[in-house]
């Protein structure tokens, strides 16, 4: 019975050695994973930057659902924004909202031709009571009595 006591258990000191060895390995793996998780994704030198925000009047209980090239990337609530890198080229930004009323319109789309090292910033506004859209920051908004903003 090499190393086993009369009841079939290993002595306490041997068990503690194994536990110490295993816990040391687990701690090293956890530290390595934390470094890997905290390393930011670096943008390529020629990538563009995308920033999407909600207007201040967008609503408290409404979420802006954002898609880039048909892929769901974010649900933006109050005081939230989305930032990402875009490779150069054509992209389609789509937005919709939740919760939706009785009539749920299809997502509104906006095409972006991303140029290297450029920033594309958009703000979400309401086109009407149930349809959101993205407006490029810096664009002039024309407000008329039939279109309160």
N, C-alpha and C. Protein backbone atom coordinates (compact mmCIF):
# COMPACT_ATOMS: atom_id res chain seq x y z
N UNK A 1 0.84 -1.18 0.00
CA UNK A 1 0.00 0.00 0.00
C UNK A 1 0.87 1.24 0.00
N UNK A 2 1.55 1.45 -1.01
CA UNK A 2 2.52 2.54 -1.06
C UNK A 2 1.85 3.89 -0.87
N UNK A 3 2.11 4.55 0.25
CA UNK A 3 1.65 5.90 0.51
C UNK A 3 0.22 5.98 1.02
N UNK A 4 -0.52 4.88 1.10
CA UNK A 4 -1.90 4.93 1.57
C UNK A 4 -1.96 4.52 3.04
N UNK A 5 -2.85 5.13 3.77
CA UNK A 5 -3.03 4.74 5.17
C UNK A 5 -3.86 3.48 5.22
N UNK A 6 -4.11 2.99 6.39
CA UNK A 6 -4.86 1.75 6.53
C UNK A 6 -6.31 1.91 6.08
N UNK A 7 -6.81 3.13 6.01
CA UNK A 7 -8.19 3.34 5.56
C UNK A 7 -8.26 3.72 4.08
N UNK A 8 -7.17 3.70 3.33
CA UNK A 8 -7.17 3.94 1.90
C UNK A 8 -6.98 5.40 1.51
N UNK A 9 -6.63 6.26 2.44
CA UNK A 9 -6.41 7.68 2.15
C UNK A 9 -4.93 8.00 2.16
N UNK A 10 -4.55 9.00 1.39
CA UNK A 10 -3.17 9.47 1.39
C UNK A 10 -2.95 10.31 2.65
N UNK A 11 -1.75 10.35 3.14
CA UNK A 11 -1.48 11.21 4.31
C UNK A 11 -1.76 12.67 3.96
N UNK A 12 -2.11 13.45 4.97
CA UNK A 12 -2.49 14.85 4.79
C UNK A 12 -1.40 15.67 4.11
N UNK A 13 -0.16 15.43 4.45
CA UNK A 13 0.92 16.23 3.88
C UNK A 13 1.04 16.01 2.37
N UNK A 14 0.81 14.80 1.90
CA UNK A 14 0.88 14.51 0.47
C UNK A 14 -0.31 15.16 -0.26
N UNK A 15 -1.47 15.12 0.35
CA UNK A 15 -2.65 15.77 -0.21
C UNK A 15 -2.42 17.27 -0.32
N UNK A 16 -1.83 17.88 0.68
CA UNK A 16 -1.56 19.31 0.67
C UNK A 16 -0.56 19.68 -0.42
N UNK A 17 0.43 18.82 -0.66
CA UNK A 17 1.39 19.08 -1.73
C UNK A 17 0.69 19.10 -3.09
N UNK A 18 -0.21 18.14 -3.32
CA UNK A 18 -0.94 18.08 -4.58
C UNK A 18 -1.83 19.30 -4.73
N UNK A 19 -2.54 19.65 -3.67
CA UNK A 19 -3.42 20.81 -3.69
C UNK A 19 -2.64 22.09 -3.96
N UNK A 20 -1.51 22.23 -3.33
CA UNK A 20 -0.65 23.40 -3.53
C UNK A 20 -0.17 23.48 -4.97
N UNK A 21 0.24 22.36 -5.55
CA UNK A 21 0.72 22.31 -6.92
C UNK A 21 -0.40 22.71 -7.90
N UNK A 22 -1.57 22.10 -7.74
CA UNK A 22 -2.70 22.36 -8.64
C UNK A 22 -3.16 23.81 -8.52
N UNK A 23 -3.27 24.32 -7.30
CA UNK A 23 -3.75 25.70 -7.13
C UNK A 23 -2.73 26.69 -7.72
N UNK A 24 -1.45 26.39 -7.61
CA UNK A 24 -0.44 27.26 -8.23
C UNK A 24 -0.60 27.31 -9.74
N UNK A 25 -0.88 26.17 -10.37
CA UNK A 25 -1.08 26.13 -11.82
C UNK A 25 -2.35 26.89 -12.21
N UNK A 26 -3.41 26.74 -11.43
CA UNK A 26 -4.66 27.44 -11.73
C UNK A 26 -4.46 28.94 -11.64
N UNK A 27 -3.73 29.40 -10.65
CA UNK A 27 -3.47 30.84 -10.50
C UNK A 27 -2.67 31.36 -11.68
N UNK A 28 -1.67 30.61 -12.13
CA UNK A 28 -0.88 31.05 -13.28
C UNK A 28 -1.73 31.14 -14.54
N UNK A 29 -2.62 30.18 -14.75
CA UNK A 29 -3.51 30.22 -15.91
C UNK A 29 -4.45 31.41 -15.81
N UNK A 30 -4.98 31.69 -14.63
CA UNK A 30 -5.89 32.83 -14.44
C UNK A 30 -5.18 34.14 -14.73
N UNK A 31 -3.94 34.28 -14.28
CA UNK A 31 -3.18 35.50 -14.54
C UNK A 31 -2.93 35.66 -16.04
N UNK A 32 -2.57 34.58 -16.70
CA UNK A 32 -2.32 34.64 -18.14
C UNK A 32 -3.60 35.03 -18.89
N UNK A 33 -4.73 34.48 -18.48
CA UNK A 33 -6.01 34.81 -19.13
C UNK A 33 -6.38 36.27 -18.90
N UNK A 34 -6.10 36.80 -17.71
CA UNK A 34 -6.45 38.19 -17.43
C UNK A 34 -5.62 39.14 -18.29
N UNK A 35 -4.36 38.81 -18.53
CA UNK A 35 -3.54 39.63 -19.43
C UNK A 35 -4.06 39.57 -20.85
N UNK A 36 -4.46 38.38 -21.30
CA UNK A 36 -4.98 38.23 -22.66
C UNK A 36 -6.29 38.99 -22.83
N UNK A 37 -7.14 38.96 -21.81
CA UNK A 37 -8.44 39.63 -21.90
C UNK A 37 -8.30 41.15 -21.83
N UNK A 38 -7.28 41.64 -21.15
CA UNK A 38 -7.15 43.09 -21.00
C UNK A 38 -6.36 43.74 -22.13
N UNK A 39 -5.80 42.95 -23.02
CA UNK A 39 -5.06 43.50 -24.14
C UNK A 39 -6.05 44.05 -25.16
N UNK A 40 -6.05 45.36 -25.43
CA UNK A 40 -7.01 45.92 -26.36
C UNK A 40 -6.74 45.47 -27.79
N UNK A 41 -7.82 45.40 -28.56
CA UNK A 41 -7.68 45.06 -29.98
C UNK A 41 -7.14 46.28 -30.68
N UNK A 42 -6.03 46.13 -31.32
CA UNK A 42 -5.39 47.24 -32.00
C UNK A 42 -5.96 47.40 -33.41
N UNK A 43 -6.29 48.61 -33.75
CA UNK A 43 -6.77 48.89 -35.11
C UNK A 43 -5.58 48.85 -36.06
N UNK A 44 -5.86 48.40 -37.26
CA UNK A 44 -4.83 48.44 -38.28
C UNK A 44 -4.57 49.90 -38.63
N UNK A 45 -3.43 50.19 -39.17
CA UNK A 45 -3.06 51.56 -39.51
C UNK A 45 -4.06 52.21 -40.46
N UNK A 46 -4.69 51.42 -41.33
CA UNK A 46 -5.57 52.00 -42.33
C UNK A 46 -7.05 51.82 -42.02
N UNK A 47 -7.41 51.43 -40.79
CA UNK A 47 -8.82 51.27 -40.43
C UNK A 47 -9.47 52.62 -40.17
N UNK A 48 -10.78 52.66 -40.33
CA UNK A 48 -11.58 53.84 -39.99
C UNK A 48 -12.20 53.61 -38.61
N UNK A 49 -12.72 54.66 -38.03
CA UNK A 49 -13.34 54.58 -36.70
C UNK A 49 -14.82 54.93 -36.83
N UNK A 50 -15.68 54.16 -36.15
CA UNK A 50 -17.12 54.38 -36.17
C UNK A 50 -17.60 54.71 -34.77
N UNK A 51 -18.39 55.78 -34.65
CA UNK A 51 -18.96 56.19 -33.36
C UNK A 51 -20.46 56.42 -33.57
N UNK A 52 -21.29 55.74 -32.78
CA UNK A 52 -22.73 55.90 -32.84
C UNK A 52 -23.22 56.33 -31.47
N UNK A 53 -24.02 57.41 -31.41
CA UNK A 53 -24.60 57.92 -30.16
C UNK A 53 -26.10 58.06 -30.32
N UNK A 54 -26.79 58.19 -29.19
CA UNK A 54 -28.23 58.47 -29.20
C UNK A 54 -28.42 59.95 -28.93
N UNK A 55 -29.42 60.56 -29.54
CA UNK A 55 -29.72 61.96 -29.23
C UNK A 55 -30.27 62.04 -27.81
N UNK A 56 -30.15 63.21 -27.21
CA UNK A 56 -30.61 63.40 -25.83
C UNK A 56 -32.11 63.17 -25.71
N UNK A 57 -32.85 63.40 -26.77
CA UNK A 57 -34.31 63.26 -26.73
C UNK A 57 -34.78 61.91 -27.27
N UNK A 58 -33.91 60.93 -27.34
CA UNK A 58 -34.28 59.65 -27.96
C UNK A 58 -35.31 58.88 -27.13
N UNK A 59 -35.26 59.01 -25.82
CA UNK A 59 -36.25 58.32 -24.99
C UNK A 59 -35.59 57.48 -23.91
N UNK A 60 -36.27 57.38 -22.80
CA UNK A 60 -35.72 56.65 -21.66
C UNK A 60 -35.88 55.15 -21.79
N UNK A 61 -37.02 54.71 -22.28
CA UNK A 61 -37.31 53.27 -22.32
C UNK A 61 -37.14 52.67 -23.70
N UNK A 62 -36.48 53.38 -24.59
CA UNK A 62 -36.22 52.89 -25.94
C UNK A 62 -34.76 52.49 -26.08
N UNK A 63 -34.51 51.37 -26.73
CA UNK A 63 -33.15 50.94 -27.05
C UNK A 63 -32.93 51.06 -28.54
N UNK A 64 -31.77 51.53 -28.91
CA UNK A 64 -31.38 51.60 -30.31
C UNK A 64 -30.63 50.31 -30.62
N UNK A 65 -31.13 49.56 -31.58
CA UNK A 65 -30.53 48.29 -31.97
C UNK A 65 -29.69 48.58 -33.22
N UNK A 66 -28.38 48.31 -33.14
CA UNK A 66 -27.44 48.67 -34.20
C UNK A 66 -26.87 47.42 -34.87
N UNK A 67 -26.86 47.47 -36.20
CA UNK A 67 -26.27 46.42 -37.03
C UNK A 67 -25.22 47.05 -37.93
N UNK A 68 -24.11 46.36 -38.10
CA UNK A 68 -23.09 46.77 -39.06
C UNK A 68 -22.93 45.62 -40.04
N UNK A 69 -23.20 45.90 -41.30
CA UNK A 69 -23.13 44.88 -42.35
C UNK A 69 -24.00 43.68 -42.02
N UNK A 70 -25.18 43.94 -41.46
CA UNK A 70 -26.13 42.87 -41.15
C UNK A 70 -25.85 42.10 -39.86
N UNK A 71 -24.81 42.46 -39.14
CA UNK A 71 -24.45 41.77 -37.89
C UNK A 71 -24.85 42.64 -36.71
N UNK A 72 -25.63 42.08 -35.79
CA UNK A 72 -26.04 42.82 -34.60
C UNK A 72 -24.82 43.10 -33.74
N UNK A 73 -24.55 44.38 -33.47
CA UNK A 73 -23.35 44.74 -32.71
C UNK A 73 -23.64 45.43 -31.38
N UNK A 74 -24.84 46.03 -31.22
CA UNK A 74 -25.09 46.75 -29.97
C UNK A 74 -26.56 47.03 -29.76
N UNK A 75 -26.95 47.10 -28.48
CA UNK A 75 -28.23 47.61 -28.03
C UNK A 75 -27.90 48.80 -27.14
N UNK A 76 -28.19 50.01 -27.61
CA UNK A 76 -27.79 51.21 -26.89
C UNK A 76 -28.95 51.77 -26.08
N UNK A 77 -28.73 51.88 -24.76
CA UNK A 77 -29.70 52.48 -23.87
C UNK A 77 -29.33 53.93 -23.60
N UNK A 78 -29.96 54.51 -22.59
CA UNK A 78 -29.73 55.91 -22.22
C UNK A 78 -28.25 56.12 -21.91
N UNK A 79 -27.68 57.20 -22.43
CA UNK A 79 -26.28 57.59 -22.21
C UNK A 79 -25.27 56.55 -22.66
N UNK A 80 -25.62 55.73 -23.62
CA UNK A 80 -24.67 54.75 -24.15
C UNK A 80 -24.31 55.11 -25.58
N UNK A 81 -23.12 54.71 -25.97
CA UNK A 81 -22.68 54.91 -27.35
C UNK A 81 -21.91 53.67 -27.78
N UNK A 82 -21.59 53.60 -29.05
CA UNK A 82 -20.88 52.46 -29.62
C UNK A 82 -19.68 52.98 -30.39
N UNK A 83 -18.53 52.38 -30.16
CA UNK A 83 -17.32 52.72 -30.90
C UNK A 83 -16.66 51.44 -31.40
N UNK A 84 -16.20 51.49 -32.64
CA UNK A 84 -15.54 50.32 -33.23
C UNK A 84 -14.65 50.78 -34.37
N UNK A 85 -13.83 49.86 -34.84
CA UNK A 85 -13.03 50.12 -36.03
C UNK A 85 -13.72 49.47 -37.22
N UNK A 86 -13.56 50.10 -38.36
CA UNK A 86 -14.11 49.58 -39.61
C UNK A 86 -12.99 49.43 -40.62
N UNK A 87 -12.90 48.32 -41.29
CA UNK A 87 -11.94 48.23 -42.37
C UNK A 87 -12.39 49.13 -43.52
N UNK A 88 -11.48 49.64 -44.30
CA UNK A 88 -11.86 50.50 -45.42
C UNK A 88 -12.82 49.78 -46.36
N UNK A 89 -13.71 50.56 -46.97
CA UNK A 89 -14.65 49.99 -47.93
C UNK A 89 -16.09 50.32 -47.59
N UNK A 90 -17.00 49.74 -48.36
CA UNK A 90 -18.44 49.97 -48.19
C UNK A 90 -18.98 49.18 -47.00
N UNK A 91 -19.81 49.86 -46.21
CA UNK A 91 -20.47 49.22 -45.07
C UNK A 91 -21.91 49.72 -45.01
N UNK A 92 -22.78 48.91 -44.42
CA UNK A 92 -24.18 49.28 -44.23
C UNK A 92 -24.47 49.31 -42.73
N UNK A 93 -24.90 50.48 -42.24
CA UNK A 93 -25.31 50.63 -40.85
C UNK A 93 -26.84 50.57 -40.83
N UNK A 94 -27.39 49.74 -39.97
CA UNK A 94 -28.85 49.62 -39.86
C UNK A 94 -29.24 49.84 -38.42
N UNK A 95 -30.38 50.52 -38.22
CA UNK A 95 -30.89 50.75 -36.86
C UNK A 95 -32.38 50.48 -36.81
N UNK A 96 -32.79 49.98 -35.67
CA UNK A 96 -34.18 49.82 -35.33
C UNK A 96 -34.28 50.05 -33.82
N UNK A 97 -35.46 49.95 -33.27
CA UNK A 97 -35.63 50.21 -31.84
C UNK A 97 -36.40 49.09 -31.18
N UNK A 98 -36.30 49.07 -29.86
CA UNK A 98 -37.10 48.16 -29.06
C UNK A 98 -37.44 48.86 -27.76
N UNK A 99 -38.59 48.72 -27.18
CA UNK A 99 -39.70 47.91 -27.72
C UNK A 99 -40.34 48.61 -28.91
N UNK A 100 -40.99 47.81 -29.74
CA UNK A 100 -41.65 48.35 -30.91
C UNK A 100 -43.16 48.33 -30.71
N UNK A 101 -43.82 49.27 -31.35
CA UNK A 101 -45.26 49.36 -31.23
C UNK A 101 -45.96 48.34 -32.11
N UNK A 102 -47.20 48.62 -32.40
CA UNK A 102 -48.03 47.72 -33.22
C UNK A 102 -47.42 47.52 -34.60
N UNK A 103 -47.00 48.61 -35.21
CA UNK A 103 -46.39 48.54 -36.55
C UNK A 103 -44.88 48.63 -36.37
N UNK A 104 -44.18 47.58 -36.75
CA UNK A 104 -42.72 47.62 -36.61
C UNK A 104 -42.09 47.79 -37.99
N UNK A 105 -41.58 48.99 -38.26
CA UNK A 105 -40.97 49.24 -39.57
C UNK A 105 -39.64 48.47 -39.70
N UNK A 106 -39.22 48.21 -40.92
CA UNK A 106 -37.91 47.57 -41.10
C UNK A 106 -36.81 48.52 -40.63
N UNK A 107 -35.64 47.99 -40.33
CA UNK A 107 -34.53 48.86 -39.92
C UNK A 107 -34.21 49.89 -41.00
N UNK A 108 -33.88 51.11 -40.57
CA UNK A 108 -33.42 52.10 -41.53
C UNK A 108 -31.94 51.84 -41.79
N UNK A 109 -31.50 52.11 -42.99
CA UNK A 109 -30.13 51.82 -43.37
C UNK A 109 -29.42 53.07 -43.84
N UNK A 110 -28.13 53.04 -43.63
CA UNK A 110 -27.27 54.13 -44.10
C UNK A 110 -25.96 53.49 -44.59
N UNK A 111 -25.56 53.86 -45.77
CA UNK A 111 -24.31 53.34 -46.35
C UNK A 111 -23.16 54.25 -45.97
N UNK A 112 -22.03 53.63 -45.69
CA UNK A 112 -20.81 54.37 -45.34
C UNK A 112 -19.68 53.81 -46.19
N UNK A 113 -18.96 54.70 -46.85
CA UNK A 113 -17.75 54.30 -47.57
C UNK A 113 -16.57 54.69 -46.69
N UNK A 114 -16.11 53.76 -45.88
CA UNK A 114 -15.06 54.03 -44.90
C UNK A 114 -13.72 54.24 -45.59
N UNK A 115 -13.12 55.37 -45.29
CA UNK A 115 -11.79 55.71 -45.80
C UNK A 115 -10.77 55.50 -44.68
N UNK A 116 -9.56 55.12 -45.02
CA UNK A 116 -8.54 54.89 -43.99
C UNK A 116 -8.33 56.11 -43.08
N UNK A 117 -8.16 55.87 -41.81
CA UNK A 117 -7.83 56.87 -40.79
C UNK A 117 -8.89 57.96 -40.61
N UNK A 118 -10.12 57.72 -41.06
CA UNK A 118 -11.21 58.68 -40.88
C UNK A 118 -12.12 58.22 -39.75
N UNK A 119 -12.81 59.19 -39.14
CA UNK A 119 -13.80 58.88 -38.11
C UNK A 119 -15.18 59.19 -38.65
N UNK A 120 -16.09 58.26 -38.49
CA UNK A 120 -17.47 58.41 -38.94
C UNK A 120 -18.35 58.41 -37.70
N UNK A 121 -18.89 59.57 -37.35
CA UNK A 121 -19.70 59.73 -36.15
C UNK A 121 -21.13 60.02 -36.55
N UNK A 122 -22.07 59.29 -35.94
CA UNK A 122 -23.48 59.44 -36.23
C UNK A 122 -24.25 59.55 -34.92
N UNK A 123 -25.39 60.22 -34.99
CA UNK A 123 -26.30 60.31 -33.85
C UNK A 123 -27.65 59.78 -34.29
N UNK A 124 -28.29 58.99 -33.43
CA UNK A 124 -29.62 58.44 -33.72
C UNK A 124 -30.69 59.44 -33.31
N UNK A 125 -31.62 59.68 -34.23
CA UNK A 125 -32.77 60.55 -34.00
C UNK A 125 -34.03 59.80 -34.40
N UNK A 126 -35.18 60.38 -34.08
CA UNK A 126 -36.46 59.84 -34.54
C UNK A 126 -36.85 60.52 -35.84
N UNK A 127 -37.16 59.74 -36.86
CA UNK A 127 -37.68 60.28 -38.12
C UNK A 127 -39.16 60.58 -37.94
N UNK A 128 -39.89 59.71 -37.30
CA UNK A 128 -41.28 59.90 -36.91
C UNK A 128 -41.51 59.10 -35.63
N UNK A 129 -42.72 58.88 -35.23
CA UNK A 129 -42.96 58.28 -33.91
C UNK A 129 -42.48 56.85 -33.77
N UNK A 130 -42.20 56.15 -34.85
CA UNK A 130 -41.78 54.76 -34.72
C UNK A 130 -40.58 54.37 -35.58
N UNK A 131 -39.86 55.35 -36.13
CA UNK A 131 -38.75 55.04 -37.02
C UNK A 131 -37.53 55.87 -36.66
N UNK A 132 -36.45 55.19 -36.28
CA UNK A 132 -35.19 55.86 -35.95
C UNK A 132 -34.31 55.92 -37.19
N UNK A 133 -33.39 56.87 -37.20
CA UNK A 133 -32.42 56.96 -38.29
C UNK A 133 -31.11 57.52 -37.75
N UNK A 134 -30.05 57.34 -38.51
CA UNK A 134 -28.73 57.86 -38.15
C UNK A 134 -28.41 59.09 -38.98
N UNK A 135 -27.99 60.13 -38.30
CA UNK A 135 -27.58 61.36 -38.98
C UNK A 135 -26.10 61.57 -38.73
N UNK A 136 -25.38 61.87 -39.79
CA UNK A 136 -23.94 62.11 -39.67
C UNK A 136 -23.72 63.36 -38.83
N UNK A 137 -22.85 63.28 -37.85
CA UNK A 137 -22.56 64.44 -37.01
C UNK A 137 -21.98 65.55 -37.86
N UNK A 138 -22.44 66.78 -37.60
CA UNK A 138 -21.99 67.93 -38.36
C UNK A 138 -22.91 68.28 -39.51
N UNK A 139 -23.86 67.37 -39.83
CA UNK A 139 -24.81 67.67 -40.90
C UNK A 139 -25.86 68.64 -40.37
N UNK A 140 -26.36 69.50 -41.25
CA UNK A 140 -27.38 70.47 -40.83
C UNK A 140 -28.74 69.80 -40.82
N UNK A 141 -29.47 69.97 -39.72
CA UNK A 141 -30.83 69.47 -39.62
C UNK A 141 -31.77 70.60 -39.96
N UNK A 142 -32.69 70.34 -40.87
CA UNK A 142 -33.70 71.33 -41.24
C UNK A 142 -34.96 70.99 -40.47
N UNK A 143 -35.41 71.92 -39.64
CA UNK A 143 -36.61 71.70 -38.83
C UNK A 143 -37.72 72.58 -39.37
N UNK A 144 -38.82 71.92 -39.77
CA UNK A 144 -39.99 72.64 -40.26
C UNK A 144 -41.16 72.32 -39.35
N UNK A 145 -42.27 73.06 -39.43
CA UNK A 145 -43.42 72.75 -38.58
C UNK A 145 -43.93 71.33 -38.74
N UNK A 146 -43.82 70.77 -39.95
CA UNK A 146 -44.29 69.39 -40.16
C UNK A 146 -43.25 68.36 -39.74
N UNK A 147 -42.04 68.80 -39.46
CA UNK A 147 -40.95 67.92 -39.04
C UNK A 147 -40.27 68.54 -37.82
N UNK A 148 -40.84 68.31 -36.61
CA UNK A 148 -40.33 68.99 -35.42
C UNK A 148 -38.95 68.54 -34.99
N UNK A 149 -38.36 67.57 -35.59
CA UNK A 149 -36.99 67.25 -35.22
C UNK A 149 -36.86 65.91 -34.71
